[in-house]
Amino acid sequence: MKCYKCNKQIPSVSTVCPYCSAPVDPNYKEQIDFGNIDNTDYDDKHDLKAYIQEPKNRKVIFIGIGTILLVIIIFIALILTMLKSGKDDPKKYFDDTIELVYDYLYDNYLGSNNAFSADYKLKIDVNGTSNEFVGTYERDVKSRIFKLDGTMRDPNEATGGIILDSKDFQFDSYMKDNELYFKSEQLFNNYLHISLPDETGLLTTKTYSLDLLVGGISDALVESMKTVTINKDTTNINYRGVKTNVKKYYFVLDNKGKTKFLTTFYETLIEDANFINEYARINNKSVDDITDILKNRVNDVEFRYSGDSSDKTTFSIYVLKKNIIRYYIEDASEEYETYQLDIKDGKLFFDYAKNSENIISASLLKTDETLNEELTTTYALTFDYGEYVMDIYLELKIKDRPLVKREEINDAYEFGLITEEDKNVLKNNLSYYTSKTDIIDTLSGMFKEKCVVGIECNCEPNKDTCSCLSEGSVITCDKDKVMPIVQNAN
């Protein structure tokens, strides 16, 4: 049968969906269709400055994709660039990777070093068009506060080029829990407020232990690794243009292997009382609820991989003198996909291909420099994707004593309730900096208010919240937002 919420195929024995955790309701058939967002065209009214003109095919949203990739690659870099194994034990190379992921998360997010602040300089070049931002970045993971402010600068300013003065672009952003606020006086007079969805509960739960969650997952992965047979081989590879003789450690998962690996992973979590209790508390569910969800995931794994299939996934690690120099994943499914991460001289090289066609190529170099007891960390990223060539340079001047303060933001404008008139104001102001102003329509559709009077809801008399249907999904809404206010008659 299919889940009414996410529409994925699930085992008939499931009591909740193993994908989205929705309760199974075999009587539910109809899904609500709210139609498409009206992406109204808007004419540009201002000439763009020469140095910030864009190529005709450039997509503004691509900057967001590049930034996300940057974060992912930086995360991988910090974990893997110095990875070594003390002895030539094939399994140890895989276990060390899992352990170092946990160590990195603990050192930077789970332990005492969860507060961080720095002055930054970010330069982004897409197909020869450059923008540069300077500002400050602060985070306090324990208090769940994130702050980012900045000013757009002309990359030619240092060499006496054109300087944007009459229409300088400045912004401030602040996030507490799942409430995000963004303001730029060049675009809009008020803070724009967005409530981010928090399906995991990690953003809104008052206190929790990420250590128990991440530690439980790490332990479960290590246990799962005991179910695989790791093979050892000596091979010759093309390593950054040079034929290199290396040792290769790998394991292959067919349907039977995937079932055993994933079943062990979920069953290990079920036996981890600390993980179960913490995950239940964060999601405001009972221990039995979380246990049932994980048991249903086991049923789903057995259901999904029960048939015969030639699809196999291969995980490989290539080692030169006990140093890991390459991670490689080959997924021989319907769409043949490969992921390759090379490590050379402290630099990372990532390639993703589908059906033997290279889709993404990227490289990253991280450097640290200390001058007058001030630490500066820089990241240089190149990113090729189809017709786009992107260069990103990020410089962080780390502050010794990070101080992240909570802010009170009043009179913020709800972005989900933005009117067509306000959309046009935003588009008009944004057109000075980019011709792709339809991003306002896209974002307003993504963050539009879903809990409004008129949607279909089930509201119990003794609860302050209701279960409602929105665009085919079950969401929780405050009762006073979805039920009309009834005035008492005099």
Protein backbone atom coordinates (compact mmCIF):
# COMPACT_ATOMS: atom_id res chain seq x y z
CA MET A 1 0.00 0.00 0.00
CA LYS A 2 0.99 3.67 -0.30
CA CYS A 3 1.36 6.29 2.41
CA TYR A 4 -1.34 8.94 2.10
CA LYS A 5 1.14 11.66 3.11
CA CYS A 6 4.32 11.03 1.09
CA ASN A 7 2.77 8.60 -1.45
CA LYS A 8 5.61 6.09 -1.10
CA GLN A 9 5.08 2.33 -1.20
CA ILE A 10 5.15 0.85 2.31
CA PRO A 11 4.70 -2.67 3.72
CA SER A 12 1.16 -3.72 4.59
CA VAL A 13 2.31 -4.57 8.14
CA SER A 14 3.34 -0.97 8.84
CA THR A 15 1.41 1.02 11.43
CA VAL A 16 3.28 4.24 10.61
CA CYS A 17 5.06 5.29 7.43
CA PRO A 18 8.79 4.41 7.68
CA TYR A 19 9.62 7.47 5.54
CA CYS A 20 7.63 10.36 7.04
CA SER A 21 6.30 8.76 10.28
CA ALA A 22 2.68 9.54 9.36
CA PRO A 23 0.09 7.13 10.80
CA VAL A 24 -1.19 4.64 8.23
CA ASP A 25 -4.76 5.43 7.18
CA PRO A 26 -5.85 3.06 4.41
CA ASN A 27 -9.19 4.92 4.05
CA TYR A 28 -7.54 8.15 2.97
CA LYS A 29 -7.44 8.47 -0.82
CA GLU A 30 -7.87 12.07 -1.86
CA GLN A 31 -5.07 14.63 -1.77
CA ILE A 32 -5.64 18.37 -1.81
CA ASP A 33 -4.39 20.31 -4.85
CA PHE A 34 -3.79 23.98 -4.19
CA GLY A 35 -2.68 24.69 -7.75
CA ASN A 36 0.44 26.44 -8.95
CA ILE A 37 1.98 29.65 -7.73
CA ASP A 38 1.41 32.58 -10.07
CA ASN A 39 4.87 33.68 -11.17
CA THR A 40 3.92 37.10 -12.50
CA ASP A 41 6.48 38.66 -14.83
CA TYR A 42 7.88 41.97 -13.75
CA ASP A 43 9.62 44.52 -15.96
CA ASP A 44 13.06 45.79 -14.95
CA LYS A 45 13.03 49.53 -14.20
CA HIS A 46 16.70 50.19 -13.47
CA ASP A 47 19.89 49.80 -15.42
CA LEU A 48 22.29 47.44 -13.68
CA LYS A 49 25.75 48.52 -12.68
CA ALA A 50 28.29 47.10 -15.11
CA TYR A 51 30.16 45.11 -12.56
CA ILE A 52 27.12 43.26 -11.24
CA GLN A 53 25.44 42.45 -14.55
CA GLU A 54 24.64 38.78 -14.90
CA PRO A 55 24.95 36.32 -17.81
CA LYS A 56 21.59 35.84 -19.51
CA ASN A 57 21.17 32.26 -18.32
CA ARG A 58 22.36 32.76 -14.76
CA LYS A 59 19.98 31.50 -12.07
CA VAL A 60 19.92 33.46 -8.84
CA ILE A 61 18.95 30.38 -6.87
CA PHE A 62 22.22 28.78 -8.01
CA ILE A 63 24.07 30.90 -5.46
CA GLY A 64 22.10 29.13 -2.75
CA ILE A 65 22.98 25.72 -4.20
CA GLY A 66 26.64 26.64 -4.34
CA THR A 67 26.62 27.83 -0.75
CA ILE A 68 25.03 24.58 0.42
CA LEU A 69 27.67 22.61 -1.47
CA LEU A 70 30.37 24.75 0.10
CA VAL A 71 29.14 23.88 3.59
CA ILE A 72 29.01 20.17 2.75
CA ILE A 73 32.52 20.10 1.27
CA ILE A 74 33.97 22.12 4.15
CA PHE A 75 32.42 19.62 6.54
CA ILE A 76 33.98 16.71 4.66
CA ALA A 77 37.32 18.51 4.47
CA LEU A 78 37.59 19.07 8.19
CA ILE A 79 36.94 15.40 8.83
CA LEU A 80 38.99 13.70 6.18
CA THR A 81 42.05 15.72 5.20
CA MET A 82 44.20 14.38 8.03
CA LEU A 83 42.67 10.90 8.18
CA LYS A 84 45.20 8.12 8.84
CA SER A 85 44.93 4.61 10.19
CA GLY A 86 47.47 3.33 12.68
CA LYS A 87 47.62 -0.19 11.27
CA ASP A 88 46.82 -1.87 8.00
CA ASP A 89 43.41 -3.16 9.07
CA PRO A 90 40.79 -2.87 6.27
CA LYS A 91 37.83 -2.45 8.64
CA LYS A 92 39.66 0.20 10.65
CA TYR A 93 39.69 2.60 7.70
CA PHE A 94 35.88 2.54 7.62
CA ASP A 95 35.48 2.67 11.40
CA ASP A 96 37.95 5.57 11.62
CA THR A 97 35.85 7.58 9.18
CA ILE A 98 32.72 7.08 11.30
CA GLU A 99 34.63 7.93 14.49
CA LEU A 100 36.15 11.11 13.04
CA VAL A 101 32.73 12.32 11.87
CA TYR A 102 31.53 11.98 15.45
CA ASP A 103 34.69 13.65 16.84
CA TYR A 104 34.26 16.62 14.49
CA LEU A 105 30.61 17.07 15.47
CA TYR A 106 31.47 16.82 19.14
CA ASP A 107 34.35 19.29 18.95
CA ASN A 108 32.38 21.87 16.96
CA TYR A 109 28.73 21.40 17.93
CA LEU A 110 28.13 18.90 20.72
CA GLY A 111 30.76 19.82 23.28
CA SER A 112 31.90 23.07 24.82
CA ASN A 113 32.93 24.61 21.48
CA ASN A 114 29.39 25.17 20.29
CA ALA A 115 29.78 28.98 20.22
CA PHE A 116 31.64 30.55 17.31
CA SER A 117 32.04 34.01 15.81
CA ALA A 118 34.18 35.48 13.06
CA ASP A 119 34.53 38.37 10.66
CA TYR A 120 34.12 37.07 7.14
CA LYS A 121 34.86 38.04 3.56
CA LEU A 122 32.97 36.12 0.89
CA LYS A 123 33.70 36.51 -2.82
CA ILE A 124 31.54 34.70 -5.37
CA ASP A 125 32.33 34.62 -9.09
CA VAL A 126 29.87 32.97 -11.50
CA ASN A 127 30.84 32.81 -15.17
CA GLY A 128 33.10 35.84 -14.74
CA THR A 129 30.63 37.99 -12.78
CA SER A 130 31.79 38.78 -9.24
CA ASN A 131 30.13 39.86 -6.02
CA GLU A 132 31.83 40.32 -2.68
CA PHE A 133 30.37 40.47 0.84
CA VAL A 134 31.95 41.39 4.16
CA GLY A 135 30.40 41.08 7.60
CA THR A 136 30.21 39.01 10.77
CA TYR A 137 28.95 35.50 11.48
CA GLU A 138 27.97 34.18 14.92
CA ARG A 139 26.45 30.95 16.13
CA ASP A 140 25.61 29.36 19.46
CA VAL A 141 24.37 25.83 18.83
CA LYS A 142 23.41 25.22 22.45
CA SER A 143 21.15 28.28 22.51
CA ARG A 144 20.24 27.78 18.84
CA ILE A 145 21.11 31.32 17.84
CA PHE A 146 22.58 32.15 14.42
CA LYS A 147 23.45 35.66 13.24
CA LEU A 148 24.79 36.83 9.90
CA ASP A 149 25.17 40.40 8.70
CA GLY A 150 26.94 41.78 5.69
CA THR A 151 27.55 44.46 3.10
CA MET A 152 28.00 43.90 -0.61
CA ARG A 153 31.24 45.41 -1.87
CA ASP A 154 32.61 46.01 -5.32
CA PRO A 155 35.43 43.50 -5.99
CA ASN A 156 37.19 46.26 -7.98
CA GLU A 157 37.17 48.63 -5.01
CA ALA A 158 40.66 47.68 -3.83
CA THR A 159 42.12 48.52 -7.24
CA GLY A 160 40.24 51.79 -7.70
CA GLY A 161 37.38 50.41 -9.80
CA ILE A 162 33.72 51.41 -9.81
CA ILE A 163 32.31 51.60 -6.29
CA LEU A 164 28.61 51.11 -5.59
CA ASP A 165 27.77 54.06 -3.34
CA SER A 166 24.25 55.32 -4.00
CA LYS A 167 22.67 51.88 -3.78
CA ASP A 168 24.85 49.99 -1.32
CA PHE A 169 23.43 46.65 -0.23
CA GLN A 170 23.42 45.74 3.46
CA PHE A 171 21.59 42.99 5.30
CA ASP A 172 21.06 41.54 8.77
CA SER A 173 19.75 38.08 9.52
CA TYR A 174 18.97 36.50 12.85
CA MET A 175 17.67 33.06 13.73
CA LYS A 176 16.47 31.80 17.12
CA ASP A 177 15.11 28.28 17.21
CA ASN A 178 13.15 27.95 13.95
CA GLU A 179 12.28 31.65 13.64
CA LEU A 180 14.28 33.39 10.91
CA TYR A 181 14.41 37.18 10.46
CA PHE A 182 15.97 39.00 7.50
CA LYS A 183 16.26 42.71 6.85
CA SER A 184 17.79 44.86 4.14
CA GLU A 185 16.66 48.48 3.95
CA GLN A 186 17.58 48.46 0.27
CA LEU A 187 14.84 45.85 -0.31
CA PHE A 188 12.20 46.37 2.39
CA ASN A 189 11.64 48.61 5.39
CA ASN A 190 10.82 45.88 7.93
CA TYR A 191 12.31 42.62 9.07
CA LEU A 192 10.84 39.75 7.06
CA HIS A 193 9.88 36.85 9.32
CA ILE A 194 9.87 33.19 8.25
CA SER A 195 8.97 30.24 10.49
CA LEU A 196 11.03 27.31 9.26
CA PRO A 197 9.48 23.83 9.40
CA ASP A 198 10.90 21.70 12.20
CA GLU A 199 9.87 18.12 11.54
CA THR A 200 12.77 16.74 13.60
CA GLY A 201 12.09 18.90 16.66
CA LEU A 202 15.78 19.83 16.93
CA LEU A 203 15.11 23.54 16.43
CA THR A 204 12.29 24.04 18.89
CA THR A 205 12.96 21.57 21.73
CA LYS A 206 14.19 23.53 24.75
CA THR A 207 17.05 21.23 25.69
CA TYR A 208 18.41 18.06 24.19
CA SER A 209 21.60 16.06 23.89
CA LEU A 210 22.94 15.90 20.36
CA ASP A 211 25.71 13.78 21.82
CA LEU A 212 23.24 10.96 22.55
CA LEU A 213 21.68 11.20 19.09
CA VAL A 214 24.88 11.39 17.04
CA GLY A 215 26.65 8.91 19.31
CA GLY A 216 23.82 6.43 18.91
CA ILE A 217 23.88 6.72 15.12
CA SER A 218 27.68 6.36 15.06
CA ASP A 219 27.52 3.22 17.22
CA ALA A 220 24.79 1.77 15.00
CA LEU A 221 26.91 2.35 11.88
CA VAL A 222 29.90 0.63 13.48
CA GLU A 223 27.70 -2.37 14.34
CA SER A 224 26.37 -2.44 10.78
CA MET A 225 29.92 -2.52 9.44
CA LYS A 226 30.36 -5.87 11.24
CA THR A 227 27.83 -7.41 8.85
CA VAL A 228 29.87 -6.75 5.69
CA THR A 229 32.86 -8.54 4.24
CA ILE A 230 35.64 -6.08 3.45
CA ASN A 231 37.79 -7.06 0.49
CA LYS A 232 41.40 -6.08 -0.04
CA ASP A 233 43.10 -5.56 -3.38
CA THR A 234 46.09 -3.83 -4.97
CA THR A 235 45.31 -1.77 -8.03
CA ASN A 236 46.60 1.00 -10.27
CA ILE A 237 44.49 4.17 -10.51
CA ASN A 238 44.68 7.53 -12.21
CA TYR A 239 45.20 9.74 -9.17
CA ARG A 240 45.03 13.40 -10.13
CA GLY A 241 46.65 12.74 -13.50
CA VAL A 242 49.32 10.32 -12.27
CA LYS A 243 49.16 6.51 -12.44
CA THR A 244 49.48 5.39 -8.84
CA ASN A 245 49.71 1.94 -7.27
CA VAL A 246 47.40 1.82 -4.22
CA LYS A 247 45.63 -0.53 -1.85
CA LYS A 248 41.88 -0.76 -2.25
CA TYR A 249 39.49 -1.75 0.55
CA TYR A 250 35.87 -2.21 -0.42
CA PHE A 251 32.60 -3.95 0.29
CA VAL A 252 29.62 -4.62 -1.96
CA LEU A 253 25.97 -4.59 -0.90
CA ASP A 254 23.38 -6.45 -2.94
CA ASN A 255 19.74 -6.62 -1.83
CA LYS A 256 20.51 -9.26 0.78
CA GLY A 257 23.48 -7.27 2.05
CA LYS A 258 21.51 -4.02 2.20
CA THR A 259 18.81 -5.76 4.21
CA LYS A 260 21.32 -7.09 6.73
CA PHE A 261 23.24 -3.82 6.97
CA LEU A 262 20.18 -1.58 7.46
CA THR A 263 18.36 -4.04 9.71
CA THR A 264 21.38 -4.16 12.02
CA PHE A 265 21.50 -0.34 12.00
CA TYR A 266 17.86 0.09 13.07
CA GLU A 267 17.90 -2.79 15.55
CA THR A 268 20.99 -1.32 17.22
CA LEU A 269 19.16 1.98 17.63
CA ILE A 270 16.16 0.16 19.09
CA GLU A 271 18.41 -1.37 21.75
CA ASP A 272 19.99 2.00 22.57
CA ALA A 273 17.83 3.29 25.44
CA ASN A 274 19.63 6.67 25.56
CA PHE A 275 19.00 7.29 21.86
CA ILE A 276 15.36 6.17 22.04
CA ASN A 277 14.58 8.29 25.11
CA GLU A 278 16.22 11.41 23.68
CA TYR A 279 14.66 11.02 20.24
CA ALA A 280 11.24 10.45 21.82
CA ARG A 281 11.55 13.58 23.96
CA ILE A 282 12.62 15.75 21.03
CA ASN A 283 9.72 14.56 18.87
CA ASN A 284 7.21 14.73 21.75
CA LYS A 285 6.39 11.07 21.32
CA SER A 286 6.44 8.07 23.63
CA VAL A 287 9.29 5.57 23.72
CA ASP A 288 6.92 2.97 22.28
CA ASP A 289 6.08 5.31 19.39
CA ILE A 290 9.75 5.74 18.45
CA THR A 291 10.39 2.01 18.82
CA ASP A 292 7.44 1.27 16.53
CA ILE A 293 8.76 3.75 13.94
CA LEU A 294 12.16 2.03 13.89
CA LYS A 295 10.57 -1.44 13.76
CA ASN A 296 8.51 -0.28 10.79
CA ARG A 297 11.70 0.88 9.10
CA VAL A 298 13.03 -2.66 9.54
CA ASN A 299 9.85 -4.00 7.93
CA ASP A 300 10.26 -1.54 5.08
CA VAL A 301 13.88 -2.58 4.49
CA GLU A 302 12.87 -6.25 4.34
CA PHE A 303 9.99 -5.35 1.99
CA ARG A 304 12.02 -3.08 -0.30
CA TYR A 305 14.97 -5.43 -0.78
CA SER A 306 13.08 -8.73 -0.72
CA GLY A 307 13.23 -9.36 -4.47
CA ASP A 308 16.11 -10.43 -6.68
CA SER A 309 17.96 -7.51 -8.21
CA SER A 310 21.23 -6.90 -9.99
CA ASP A 311 21.50 -3.49 -8.34
CA LYS A 312 24.61 -3.32 -6.17
CA THR A 313 26.26 -0.54 -4.23
CA THR A 314 30.04 -0.58 -3.76
CA PHE A 315 31.88 1.45 -1.11
CA SER A 316 35.64 1.79 -1.64
CA ILE A 317 38.56 3.38 0.16
CA TYR A 318 41.92 3.81 -1.62
CA VAL A 319 45.02 3.99 0.57
CA LEU A 320 48.57 5.11 -0.17
CA LYS A 321 51.12 4.58 2.62
CA LYS A 322 48.33 4.26 5.20
CA ASN A 323 46.86 7.60 4.11
CA ILE A 324 43.35 7.62 2.64
CA ILE A 325 43.55 9.34 -0.74
CA ARG A 326 40.16 8.48 -2.26
CA TYR A 327 36.59 7.63 -1.27
CA TYR A 328 34.47 6.11 -4.02
CA ILE A 329 30.82 5.04 -4.13
CA GLU A 330 29.37 3.20 -7.11
CA ASP A 331 25.60 2.77 -7.21
CA ALA A 332 24.69 0.38 -10.01
CA SER A 333 20.96 1.02 -9.89
CA GLU A 334 18.55 2.20 -12.58
CA GLU A 335 20.60 5.37 -12.93
CA TYR A 336 24.25 4.36 -12.70
CA GLU A 337 25.80 6.92 -10.32
CA THR A 338 29.32 7.40 -8.97
CA TYR A 339 30.68 9.68 -6.24
CA GLN A 340 34.42 10.26 -5.93
CA LEU A 341 36.30 12.30 -3.33
CA ASP A 342 40.07 12.65 -3.73
CA ILE A 343 42.41 14.03 -1.05
CA LYS A 344 45.78 15.41 -2.18
CA ASP A 345 48.14 17.82 -0.43
CA GLY A 346 45.36 19.08 1.83
CA LYS A 347 43.06 19.76 -1.14
CA LEU A 348 39.79 17.99 -1.89
CA PHE A 349 38.45 17.07 -5.33
CA PHE A 350 34.86 15.92 -5.71
CA ASP A 351 33.20 14.43 -8.82
CA TYR A 352 29.67 13.20 -9.31
CA ALA A 353 28.59 11.37 -12.47
CA LYS A 354 25.32 9.85 -13.66
CA ASN A 355 25.16 7.27 -16.46
CA SER A 356 28.88 7.86 -17.09
CA GLU A 357 28.29 11.59 -17.68
CA ASN A 358 30.09 13.96 -15.31
CA ILE A 359 27.54 16.22 -13.63
CA ILE A 360 29.48 18.07 -10.93
CA SER A 361 33.17 18.74 -10.37
CA ALA A 362 34.44 20.70 -7.40
CA SER A 363 37.66 21.33 -5.51
CA LEU A 364 38.38 22.84 -2.11
CA LEU A 365 41.52 24.11 -0.42
CA LYS A 366 41.45 25.04 3.28
CA THR A 367 44.32 27.00 4.86
CA ASP A 368 44.97 28.34 8.36
CA GLU A 369 47.24 31.28 9.13
CA THR A 370 48.08 32.88 12.48
CA LEU A 371 49.29 36.49 12.56
CA ASN A 372 49.66 38.45 15.80
CA GLU A 373 47.82 35.64 17.60
CA GLU A 374 44.85 36.07 15.25
CA LEU A 375 43.70 32.95 13.41
CA THR A 376 42.47 33.33 9.84
CA THR A 377 40.93 30.37 8.03
CA THR A 378 40.29 30.52 4.29
CA TYR A 379 38.39 28.25 1.94
CA ALA A 380 38.87 28.37 -1.83
CA LEU A 381 36.21 26.46 -3.76
CA THR A 382 35.78 25.87 -7.48
CA PHE A 383 32.51 24.42 -8.70
CA ASP A 384 31.59 23.33 -12.24
CA TYR A 385 28.04 22.35 -13.06
CA GLY A 386 26.88 22.31 -16.67
CA GLU A 387 27.20 25.80 -18.11
CA TYR A 388 28.13 27.32 -14.75
CA VAL A 389 31.64 27.84 -13.45
CA MET A 390 31.77 29.16 -9.90
CA ASP A 391 34.66 30.31 -7.74
CA ILE A 392 34.03 30.96 -4.05
CA TYR A 393 36.54 32.44 -1.64
CA LEU A 394 35.65 32.56 2.06
CA GLU A 395 37.91 34.17 4.67
CA LEU A 396 37.14 33.84 8.39
CA LYS A 397 38.97 35.84 11.06
CA ILE A 398 38.17 33.80 14.15
CA LYS A 399 37.33 35.63 17.38
CA ASP A 400 38.92 34.25 20.54
CA ARG A 401 35.92 34.88 22.78
CA PRO A 402 32.74 34.42 20.76
CA LEU A 403 29.84 36.37 22.18
CA VAL A 404 26.44 35.56 20.75
CA LYS A 405 23.57 37.58 22.18
CA ARG A 406 19.87 36.96 21.90
CA GLU A 407 17.92 39.73 20.17
CA GLU A 408 14.34 40.88 20.47
CA ILE A 409 12.86 41.68 17.06
CA ASN A 410 9.52 43.48 17.05
CA ASP A 411 7.12 44.42 14.24
CA ALA A 412 8.48 41.85 11.80
CA TYR A 413 6.54 41.34 8.57
CA GLU A 414 5.25 37.81 7.96
CA PHE A 415 6.80 36.73 4.66
CA GLY A 416 4.20 33.99 4.29
CA LEU A 417 1.44 36.62 4.21
CA ILE A 418 3.12 39.00 1.78
CA THR A 419 0.74 40.89 -0.51
CA GLU A 420 1.06 41.43 -4.25
CA GLU A 421 1.76 45.11 -3.58
CA ASP A 422 4.63 44.25 -1.25
CA LYS A 423 5.91 41.67 -3.72
CA ASN A 424 6.16 44.39 -6.35
CA VAL A 425 8.04 46.66 -3.93
CA LEU A 426 10.56 43.88 -3.29
CA LYS A 427 10.88 43.11 -7.00
CA ASN A 428 11.35 46.74 -7.89
CA ASN A 429 14.12 47.19 -5.34
CA LEU A 430 15.73 43.85 -6.16
CA SER A 431 15.81 44.67 -9.87
CA TYR A 432 18.63 47.14 -9.19
CA TYR A 433 20.87 44.22 -8.27
CA THR A 434 19.58 41.37 -10.46
CA SER A 435 17.17 40.85 -13.32
CA LYS A 436 15.92 37.56 -11.81
CA THR A 437 13.25 39.09 -9.59
CA ASP A 438 10.88 36.12 -9.94
CA ILE A 439 12.74 34.56 -7.02
CA ILE A 440 10.37 36.63 -4.81
CA ASP A 441 7.41 34.65 -6.19
CA THR A 442 9.21 31.37 -5.61
CA LEU A 443 10.19 32.17 -2.03
CA SER A 444 6.79 33.57 -1.07
CA GLY A 445 5.22 30.35 -2.31
CA MET A 446 7.67 28.25 -0.30
CA PHE A 447 7.05 30.13 2.95
CA LYS A 448 3.41 31.10 2.61
CA GLU A 449 1.32 30.71 5.74
CA LYS A 450 -0.30 27.27 5.70
CA CYS A 451 -2.26 27.49 8.93
CA VAL A 452 -5.16 29.74 7.89
CA VAL A 453 -8.90 29.75 8.43
CA GLY A 454 -10.60 27.51 5.88
CA ILE A 455 -8.21 24.57 5.59
CA GLU A 456 -9.46 21.11 6.55
CA CYS A 457 -8.60 20.40 10.20
CA ASN A 458 -9.38 18.04 13.04
CA CYS A 459 -9.46 20.10 16.26
CA GLU A 460 -10.09 18.34 19.56
CA PRO A 461 -11.84 20.46 22.23
CA ASN A 462 -9.21 19.92 24.94
CA LYS A 463 -6.15 20.73 22.80
CA ASP A 464 -4.64 24.02 21.61
CA THR A 465 -3.46 22.53 18.31
CA CYS A 466 -5.18 20.90 15.36
CA SER A 467 -4.15 18.32 12.76
CA CYS A 468 -4.74 19.82 9.33
CA LEU A 469 -4.31 18.89 5.67
CA SER A 470 -2.18 21.25 3.58
CA GLU A 471 -1.12 20.40 0.02
CA GLY A 472 -1.48 16.70 0.71
CA SER A 473 0.50 16.79 3.97
CA VAL A 474 -0.61 16.56 7.58
CA ILE A 475 0.56 19.60 9.55
CA THR A 476 0.01 20.83 13.11
CA CYS A 477 -1.57 24.27 13.50
CA ASP A 478 -2.45 26.47 16.44
CA LYS A 479 -6.20 26.28 16.92
CA ASP A 480 -6.61 30.07 17.01
CA LYS A 481 -5.07 30.34 13.52
CA VAL A 482 -7.39 27.89 11.75
CA MET A 483 -10.65 28.37 13.64
CA PRO A 484 -12.60 31.63 13.16
CA ILE A 485 -12.90 33.79 16.24
CA VAL A 486 -16.48 33.71 17.57
CA GLN A 487 -17.56 36.84 19.39
CA ASN A 488 -19.88 36.35 22.37
CA ALA A 489 -23.26 37.89 21.73
CA ASN A 490 -24.41 40.50 24.22
